[in-house]
Structures are given as structure tokens and as C-alpha cells.
Protein backbone atom coordinates (compact mmCIF):
# COMPACT_ATOMS: atom_id res chain seq x y z
CA MET A 1 115.00 217.27 216.55
CA THR A 2 113.01 220.48 216.02
CA SER A 3 111.35 220.92 212.62
CA LEU A 4 109.37 223.73 211.04
CA ASP A 5 106.19 221.79 211.74
CA SER A 6 106.77 222.17 215.48
CA LEU A 7 107.23 225.95 215.32
CA PRO A 8 104.44 228.56 215.29
CA LEU A 9 105.23 229.57 211.70
CA ARG A 10 102.86 231.85 209.81
CA ALA A 11 100.23 229.74 208.06
CA ASP A 12 100.97 231.28 204.66
CA LEU A 13 104.64 230.24 204.94
CA ARG A 14 103.97 226.57 205.66
CA GLY A 15 105.08 224.47 202.73
CA ALA A 16 106.88 227.38 201.10
CA THR A 17 110.31 226.89 199.52
CA PRO A 18 113.09 229.44 200.14
CA TYR A 19 114.80 231.14 197.21
CA GLY A 20 117.98 229.44 196.14
CA ALA A 21 120.10 228.08 193.32
CA PRO A 22 122.37 225.03 193.51
CA MET A 23 125.83 225.93 194.81
CA ILE A 24 128.15 223.37 193.24
CA ASP A 25 131.92 223.68 193.06
CA VAL A 26 132.65 223.33 189.35
CA PRO A 27 135.14 225.15 187.10
CA VAL A 28 132.49 227.02 185.08
CA ARG A 29 129.52 228.53 186.93
CA LEU A 30 126.94 230.04 184.60
CA ASN A 31 123.79 229.62 186.66
CA VAL A 32 123.07 232.82 188.62
CA ASN A 33 123.61 235.55 186.01
CA GLU A 34 126.70 237.02 187.64
CA ASN A 35 129.08 239.23 185.73
CA ALA A 36 131.88 236.90 184.64
CA PHE A 37 134.62 239.53 184.87
CA ASP A 38 136.46 240.31 188.08
CA VAL A 39 136.38 243.84 189.46
CA PRO A 40 139.24 245.77 187.77
CA GLU A 41 142.28 246.39 189.93
CA VAL A 42 141.89 250.18 189.69
CA VAL A 43 138.39 249.84 191.18
CA VAL A 44 139.59 247.39 193.84
CA ARG A 45 142.16 249.97 194.98
CA ALA A 46 139.59 252.77 194.99
CA ILE A 47 137.17 250.67 197.03
CA GLY A 48 139.93 249.80 199.48
CA GLU A 49 140.81 253.44 199.98
CA ARG A 50 137.18 254.45 200.52
CA ILE A 51 136.55 251.61 202.95
CA ALA A 52 139.75 252.36 204.88
CA GLU A 53 138.59 255.95 205.25
CA ALA A 54 135.12 254.85 206.42
CA ALA A 55 136.57 252.27 208.82
CA GLY A 56 137.98 254.99 211.05
CA ALA A 57 134.46 256.10 211.94
CA LEU A 58 132.76 252.72 212.38
CA ASN A 59 131.97 253.65 215.97
CA ARG A 60 129.38 256.03 214.49
CA TYR A 61 126.21 255.12 212.62
CA PRO A 62 126.33 255.58 208.84
CA ASP A 63 124.59 258.36 206.95
CA ARG A 64 120.98 257.25 207.28
CA GLU A 65 120.04 259.08 204.07
CA PHE A 66 123.13 257.87 202.14
CA ALA A 67 123.28 261.30 200.47
CA GLN A 68 126.54 260.82 198.55
CA LEU A 69 125.42 257.46 197.19
CA ARG A 70 122.08 258.86 196.07
CA GLU A 71 123.86 261.72 194.33
CA ARG A 72 126.11 259.29 192.43
CA LEU A 73 123.19 257.03 191.49
CA ALA A 74 121.14 259.99 190.30
CA GLY A 75 124.02 261.08 188.11
CA TYR A 76 124.35 257.61 186.65
CA LEU A 77 120.63 257.33 185.86
CA THR A 78 120.63 260.81 184.30
CA GLY A 79 123.43 259.54 182.08
CA VAL A 80 121.32 256.51 181.12
CA LEU A 81 118.55 258.84 179.95
CA ALA A 82 121.02 261.07 178.11
CA ALA A 83 122.33 258.04 176.22
CA GLU A 84 118.75 257.43 175.05
CA GLY A 85 118.55 261.01 173.78
CA SER A 86 116.55 262.42 176.69
CA GLU A 87 117.26 265.69 178.49
CA GLN A 88 115.31 264.46 181.50
CA THR A 89 117.19 264.31 184.80
CA ILE A 90 116.94 262.15 187.90
CA SER A 91 117.45 264.05 191.14
CA PRO A 92 118.88 262.52 194.34
CA ALA A 93 115.45 263.00 195.95
CA MET A 94 114.07 260.48 193.44
CA VAL A 95 116.58 257.76 194.35
CA TRP A 96 116.38 254.96 196.89
CA ALA A 97 118.98 252.26 197.63
CA ALA A 98 119.19 249.13 199.74
CA ASN A 99 121.05 245.86 200.20
CA GLY A 100 120.44 244.50 196.71
CA SER A 101 117.41 245.17 194.53
CA ASN A 102 115.59 242.43 196.44
CA GLU A 103 115.56 244.62 199.55
CA VAL A 104 114.41 247.57 197.44
CA LEU A 105 111.49 245.42 196.24
CA LEU A 106 110.79 244.29 199.80
CA HIS A 107 110.62 247.91 200.98
CA ILE A 108 108.15 248.68 198.20
CA LEU A 109 105.95 245.70 199.14
CA GLN A 110 106.16 246.54 202.83
CA ALA A 111 104.97 250.06 202.07
CA PHE A 112 102.36 249.30 199.43
CA GLY A 113 101.59 245.59 199.81
CA GLY A 114 100.91 243.78 203.06
CA PRO A 115 98.07 241.66 204.47
CA GLY A 116 94.83 241.88 202.55
CA ARG A 117 96.54 243.33 199.48
CA THR A 118 97.59 241.72 196.20
CA ALA A 119 100.55 241.82 193.83
CA LEU A 120 100.37 240.72 190.21
CA GLY A 121 103.14 239.48 187.95
CA PHE A 122 103.41 238.09 184.43
CA VAL A 123 104.99 234.64 184.62
CA PRO A 124 107.42 233.10 184.11
CA SER A 125 109.39 235.93 185.66
CA TYR A 126 111.78 236.59 188.52
CA SER A 127 111.04 234.04 191.23
CA MET A 128 111.65 236.57 194.03
CA HIS A 129 108.65 238.68 193.05
CA PRO A 130 106.07 236.33 194.60
CA LEU A 131 108.41 235.70 197.55
CA VAL A 132 108.76 239.38 198.47
CA ALA A 133 105.01 239.79 198.06
CA GLN A 134 104.43 236.86 200.41
CA ALA A 135 107.04 238.15 202.86
CA SER A 136 105.03 241.36 203.17
CA GLY A 137 101.82 239.40 203.72
CA ALA A 138 100.36 240.17 200.29
CA SER A 139 98.87 237.55 197.96
CA PHE A 140 100.47 237.01 194.54
CA ILE A 141 98.46 236.73 191.33
CA ALA A 142 100.26 235.01 188.44
CA VAL A 143 99.21 235.90 184.88
CA GLU A 144 100.69 233.72 182.13
CA ARG A 145 102.76 235.26 179.36
CA ASP A 146 102.13 234.21 175.76
CA ALA A 147 103.79 231.19 174.14
CA GLY A 148 106.85 233.27 173.25
CA PHE A 149 107.03 234.66 176.81
CA GLY A 150 105.93 238.10 175.64
CA ILE A 151 103.38 240.59 176.99
CA ASP A 152 101.22 242.85 174.82
CA ALA A 153 99.69 246.09 176.02
CA GLU A 154 96.03 245.15 175.55
CA THR A 155 96.26 241.77 177.29
CA ALA A 156 98.37 243.12 180.14
CA ALA A 157 96.07 246.06 180.78
CA ALA A 158 93.04 243.75 180.71
CA ALA A 159 94.63 241.47 183.31
CA VAL A 160 95.35 244.43 185.58
CA ALA A 161 91.82 245.74 185.16
CA GLU A 162 90.37 242.29 185.94
CA HIS A 163 92.40 241.56 189.07
CA ASP A 164 92.78 245.15 190.34
CA PRO A 165 96.09 244.48 192.18
CA ASP A 166 97.71 246.84 194.65
CA VAL A 167 101.14 246.22 193.08
CA VAL A 168 102.14 245.15 189.57
CA PHE A 169 105.54 243.68 188.66
CA LEU A 170 106.97 244.14 185.17
CA CYS A 171 110.43 242.65 184.62
CA THR A 172 112.33 243.91 181.57
CA PRO A 173 114.59 242.39 180.38
CA ASN A 174 112.67 239.52 181.90
CA ASN A 175 114.28 236.87 184.06
CA PRO A 176 114.46 233.92 183.25
CA THR A 177 113.48 234.47 179.60
CA GLY A 178 115.63 237.49 178.68
CA ASN A 179 113.12 239.25 176.44
CA SER A 180 112.22 242.91 176.92
CA THR A 181 108.86 244.59 177.37
CA PRO A 182 108.03 247.64 175.20
CA LEU A 183 107.35 250.93 176.95
CA GLU A 184 103.81 251.00 175.55
CA VAL A 185 103.06 247.97 177.73
CA VAL A 186 104.31 249.81 180.81
CA GLU A 187 102.17 252.81 179.88
CA ALA A 188 99.08 250.66 179.34
CA VAL A 189 99.57 248.80 182.62
CA TYR A 190 100.06 252.04 184.53
CA ALA A 191 96.92 253.53 183.01
CA ALA A 192 94.92 250.44 184.01
CA ALA A 193 96.34 250.19 187.53
CA ARG A 194 95.20 252.06 190.61
CA GLY A 195 98.22 250.86 192.59
CA ILE A 196 101.99 250.71 192.29
CA VAL A 197 103.71 249.60 189.09
CA ILE A 198 107.26 248.26 189.55
CA VAL A 199 109.50 247.99 186.49
CA ASP A 200 112.40 245.68 187.38
CA GLU A 201 115.31 246.59 185.09
CA ALA A 202 118.07 244.54 186.74
CA TYR A 203 119.57 243.57 183.36
CA ALA A 204 118.98 246.78 181.41
CA GLU A 205 122.66 247.53 180.77
CA PHE A 206 122.97 244.36 178.68
CA ALA A 207 120.13 245.27 176.31
CA ASP A 208 120.65 245.75 172.60
CA GLU A 209 120.26 249.11 170.89
CA GLY A 210 116.61 250.07 170.83
CA PHE A 211 115.88 249.20 174.44
CA ARG A 212 114.31 252.12 176.29
CA SER A 213 114.28 252.40 180.07
CA ALA A 214 111.04 253.11 181.90
CA LEU A 215 112.95 255.92 183.64
CA SER A 216 111.68 258.15 180.84
CA LEU A 217 108.09 257.49 181.97
CA LEU A 218 108.55 258.71 185.56
CA PRO A 219 107.43 262.36 185.16
CA GLY A 220 103.77 262.67 186.09
CA ARG A 221 103.51 259.02 187.22
CA GLU A 222 103.84 259.07 191.00
CA ARG A 223 102.90 255.37 191.32
CA LEU A 224 105.66 254.18 188.96
CA VAL A 225 109.03 252.96 190.24
CA VAL A 226 112.02 251.63 188.28
CA SER A 227 114.35 249.29 190.17
CA ARG A 228 117.89 248.41 189.15
CA THR A 229 120.95 246.75 190.63
CA MET A 230 124.73 247.00 190.73
CA SER A 231 125.01 243.21 191.00
CA LYS A 232 124.99 242.43 187.28
CA ALA A 233 126.51 244.94 184.88
CA PHE A 234 128.64 246.54 187.61
CA ALA A 235 130.13 243.16 188.65
CA PHE A 236 129.14 244.03 192.22
CA ALA A 237 127.01 241.07 193.31
CA GLY A 238 129.03 240.51 196.48
CA ALA A 239 128.51 244.09 197.66
CA ARG A 240 124.68 243.84 197.64
CA VAL A 241 123.63 247.23 196.30
CA GLY A 242 120.30 247.78 194.57
CA TYR A 243 118.51 251.03 193.87
CA ALA A 244 115.35 252.53 192.43
CA ALA A 245 114.05 255.77 190.99
CA ALA A 246 110.58 257.19 191.59
CA ASP A 247 108.71 260.32 192.57
CA PRO A 248 110.20 261.89 195.74
CA ALA A 249 106.92 261.25 197.59
CA PHE A 250 107.25 257.55 196.72
CA VAL A 251 110.77 257.57 198.17
CA ASP A 252 109.41 259.16 201.33
CA ALA A 253 107.04 256.21 201.70
CA LEU A 254 109.96 253.76 201.69
CA ARG A 255 111.54 255.59 204.63
CA LEU A 256 108.57 254.45 206.71
CA VAL A 257 109.47 250.77 206.42
CA ARG A 258 113.26 250.60 206.15
CA MET A 259 115.29 249.51 209.14
CA PRO A 260 117.34 252.28 210.78
CA TYR A 261 120.72 252.79 209.07
CA HIS A 262 120.00 249.92 206.69
CA LEU A 263 122.98 250.67 204.43
CA SER A 264 126.26 250.26 206.29
CA ALA A 265 129.05 252.81 206.00
CA LEU A 266 131.21 250.16 204.29
CA THR A 267 128.52 249.38 201.72
CA GLN A 268 128.05 253.06 200.96
CA ALA A 269 131.80 253.61 200.64
CA ALA A 270 132.25 250.66 198.29
CA ALA A 271 129.30 251.67 196.10
CA ILE A 272 130.45 255.30 195.83
CA ALA A 273 133.93 254.16 194.80
CA ALA A 274 132.41 251.84 192.20
CA LEU A 275 130.20 254.59 190.76
CA ASP A 276 133.25 256.85 190.54
CA HIS A 277 134.63 254.20 188.15
CA THR A 278 131.50 253.37 186.18
CA ALA A 279 133.32 253.18 182.84
CA ASP A 280 135.85 250.68 184.19
CA LEU A 281 133.15 248.44 185.65
CA LEU A 282 130.88 248.54 182.61
CA ALA A 283 133.73 247.89 180.18
CA GLY A 284 132.94 244.17 180.09
CA VAL A 285 129.25 244.54 179.31
CA ARG A 286 129.63 244.51 175.52
CA ALA A 287 132.00 241.53 175.74
CA LEU A 288 129.36 239.61 177.67
CA VAL A 289 126.72 240.59 175.12
CA ALA A 290 129.00 239.21 172.40
CA GLN A 291 129.26 235.90 174.29
CA ARG A 292 125.47 235.86 174.77
CA ARG A 293 125.03 236.18 171.01
CA ARG A 294 127.65 233.50 170.43
CA MET A 295 125.81 231.14 172.77
CA ALA A 296 122.45 231.87 171.14
CA ALA A 297 123.74 231.22 167.62
CA ALA A 298 125.48 227.97 168.63
CA LEU A 299 122.45 226.68 170.54
CA GLU A 300 120.17 227.41 167.60
CA GLY A 301 122.64 225.52 165.42
CA LEU A 302 122.21 222.53 167.72
CA GLY A 303 118.46 222.62 167.16
CA PHE A 304 117.36 224.43 170.32
CA GLU A 305 114.86 227.29 170.33
CA VAL A 306 116.49 230.32 171.92
CA VAL A 307 114.41 233.17 173.30
CA ASP A 308 115.58 236.60 172.11
CA SER A 309 117.51 238.07 175.02
CA ASP A 310 118.43 241.58 176.14
CA ALA A 311 120.02 240.25 179.33
CA ASN A 312 123.36 238.59 180.11
CA PHE A 313 121.83 235.12 179.71
CA VAL A 314 119.80 233.03 177.29
CA LEU A 315 116.92 230.65 177.85
CA PHE A 316 116.91 227.74 175.45
CA ARG A 317 114.27 225.06 175.05
CA GLY A 318 113.87 221.84 173.19
CA ALA A 319 115.82 219.52 175.49
CA ARG A 320 114.18 216.09 175.67
CA ASP A 321 115.25 215.73 179.28
CA PRO A 322 116.46 219.08 180.66
CA ARG A 323 117.37 217.58 184.01
CA ALA A 324 119.59 214.98 182.36
CA LEU A 325 121.20 217.66 180.20
CA TRP A 326 121.75 219.81 183.30
CA GLN A 327 123.43 216.89 185.10
CA GLY A 328 125.52 216.07 182.07
CA LEU A 329 126.80 219.63 182.00
CA VAL A 330 127.59 219.50 185.72
CA ASP A 331 129.52 216.27 185.15
CA ALA A 332 131.47 218.13 182.46
CA GLY A 333 132.28 220.92 184.94
CA VAL A 334 129.67 223.45 183.77
CA LEU A 335 126.81 224.66 185.98
CA VAL A 336 123.72 226.16 184.33
CA ARG A 337 120.21 226.77 185.71
CA ASP A 338 117.18 224.51 185.52
CA VAL A 339 114.43 227.11 185.96
CA GLY A 340 111.64 224.55 186.03
CA LEU A 341 110.13 225.41 182.64
CA PRO A 342 109.31 222.40 180.42
CA GLY A 343 112.21 221.54 178.14
CA CYS A 344 114.18 224.64 179.16
CA LEU A 345 117.52 225.55 180.68
CA ARG A 346 119.07 228.97 181.26
CA VAL A 347 122.75 229.83 180.90
CA ASN A 348 124.41 233.15 181.56
CA ALA A 349 127.11 234.59 179.36
CA GLY A 350 130.64 234.03 180.64
CA THR A 351 134.13 234.88 179.55
CA GLU A 352 135.16 233.62 176.13
CA GLU A 353 136.80 230.61 177.79
CA GLU A 354 133.74 229.84 179.91
CA THR A 355 131.45 230.13 176.91
CA THR A 356 133.70 227.78 174.96
CA ALA A 357 133.59 225.26 177.80
CA PHE A 358 129.80 225.38 177.87
CA LEU A 359 129.39 225.09 174.12
CA THR A 360 131.89 222.23 173.93
CA ALA A 361 130.06 220.34 176.67
CA VAL A 362 126.53 220.91 175.35
CA THR A 363 127.57 220.01 171.79
CA ALA A 364 129.06 216.74 173.00
CA LEU A 365 125.97 215.89 175.07
CA VAL A 366 123.58 216.63 172.21
CA GLY A 367 125.73 214.48 169.93
CA GLN A 368 125.65 211.59 172.40
CA GLU A 369 121.87 211.88 172.73
CA ARG A 370 121.38 211.83 168.97
CA GLN A 371 123.68 208.85 168.58
CA THR A 372 121.78 206.97 171.28
CA THR A 373 118.46 207.83 169.62
CA GLN A 374 119.68 206.63 166.23
CA THR A 375 120.95 203.38 167.72
CA THR A 376 117.63 202.84 169.49
CA ASP A 377 115.67 203.56 166.30
CA ARG A 378 117.77 201.09 164.29
CA SER A 379 117.29 198.43 166.96
CA ALA A 380 113.54 199.03 167.00
CA GLY A 381 113.40 198.80 163.22
């Protein structure tokens, strides 16, 4: 039987592991940071109508420049800035979109990374960052975050100056830790970098008051790009729509590497319908934030250390055997994520019922572990 070893695979891909999370059929799935709420019926109908209209012209290629979608995304991002008190606007010429933010990142690395170039990220962070760098042929440089998973401006700028990467990744709110990165860090990194600085804001809509998007830093910074997604807050993971904002010249560079007609007419239609109903889709964001806070408080009450989170998930550490705790939760019908960090697990906020199921299961498992420990200690004594 043919194996990878018998194929002429690129040398830098030998031994590599593909991206993936366990797909287990359990009642409560809280492992891949999806939005727990279904798409509202009013949006489902609107999407259906848009797609039905687009379906009549599927014999023709889609709008290669996805003009209507870019217009809607620009309007949304301008609204994000307005909510932060800024009069700055994002024009359609500043917007790019693709099949999920991962493809947006891949386009950026294809244009500005590639063989002989380097990308730098502050780890732990989103596991796709090194993978998209590698896919483009670039080498990835990992710089460790501090003990609390934070990044400060001076240390970050020094790392960029030392390694002189062609691309820098900054993820805020950070995945898998959930904590945000202050704008002064982005400014310091940009000032120290000669190459591209990517600010990955996939979870920005879930952030608490006080979070500021790097969108406000775009004017005068032609090497800065802010990427976002509709997968999380918009409950649109199945549609695969990601987008970014940057200087128009930066967007022009991405046209050089994208595949022809990379966004299908159906994808564009669905995304436009969704953006026409932004308020309906984002209505559940605050409810998920409330469940995130509920999880964090309960986990701290159980003795875990919980990283401050601006995302729709929390990372908690302090488990004696995280793999055993993960399996115990699966056995109880709850799937969370083992992200490979010592003593840590990550769980995304769910509906109130899903959160209750998780907290009930983890409380029982912690209680069983403590009882076993006490019994063992008495026997040893």
C-alpha cells in the first residue's frame, strides 16, 4: 500500500502533521471555538433567497472582484471603528476576502513569504500560522510568550529586530490563550519590522470593553494587515468566509497569488445576505461572553488558573493529568480541546445548557480526583 514515504513529497513537509481537531460525536462539542447558536431563521431565509437568485447564473463565473461583498465588509469594519469612537473609514479598496481567514493568511504568505523568507510568531498561538508559513515555503520562527502568555512592546520589538522576519504574526485575542495584545505592542512591532505585520483578530467581536482593533492603526502603515473571520461571531463557520483590511496596494499584491474566481457565487451570495443581517447574527455574542465568564468563575472556584480571555473560549491550567481529564469529559459527553500545553485544556463558551453540562462534568471529575487523592494519602499514611 502506498505511503507518504514512497511519494516525492517536499522535504520540508516530511514528518509534518496536518491541522486537525478530534471529531467525536458527543452531545456537547466545545472544542473548536464555534458559535454555539444556530443561524437565525430570518437569516436562513435571506441566504436562501440570495443563493436561489445566484443559482440561476451558475453557468457564469462569479464576480472575480467580489465587489458587493467588499462593500458590505467595508461598511461593517467602518462600523467597528465608529463603535470605538473613531471617524476613520475602511473603503472597499482596502478589503480582501477568501474562503476562511486561513486562506486570507495563505494569500498573504504566498505574496510576502515563500522560499528563503521567514515568518515570526509569538507562541503559543494559532497553530495554523506556522502551517501557512510552511505551505508557502517560508520558515517559521517561534518566540515564546511570557509565563502569563502575554507580550510586551519592548520584548516583542527586540525579537523582531533580532530575527528580522519577512512576516510577523500577532494574534489578538490570542488563540489558544484568549488574552489580548495592546495596540502599543502592534505599533512597536511594526516600527521594528521591515516586512509585513499581520494582526489576526478572528475573535475580536467577543472582546470586553476596552479592546481596540488594530484597524485604527492602518493609515500610514502600508505593511500592516488586519485579518478577521465570519466563522466565529457571525456563526458562519460552515460558509468559510474570512476577510482582511489593509492598504489598497497591499490588496493589489494579494490579487497576484489568488486562484481565479476563488470565491464562488454561492459563497458571495451567502456572505452578503449574512452581512445584511449583522445585528441578527451578532445578537448571541454577549450571551456567549456571559457563558465564558461563567465558565471562568466556576473553573477558578475549582482551583484552576484561568487565563483572562477576550475570546469565546477560556484556557485553564492546573490539571494533574489533562489528557485524563479530557477523556473523562468525553466519557461524560463533553468534548473540549487538549492544545498540548502542560496542564492545560481549552473550552469554548456554549449555550447555557452546554455550559451547564461542561461545568457539571468537570466538577464531578475534579471531585473524584480529589477523593482518590485523599484515599491514597490516607493509605500511604
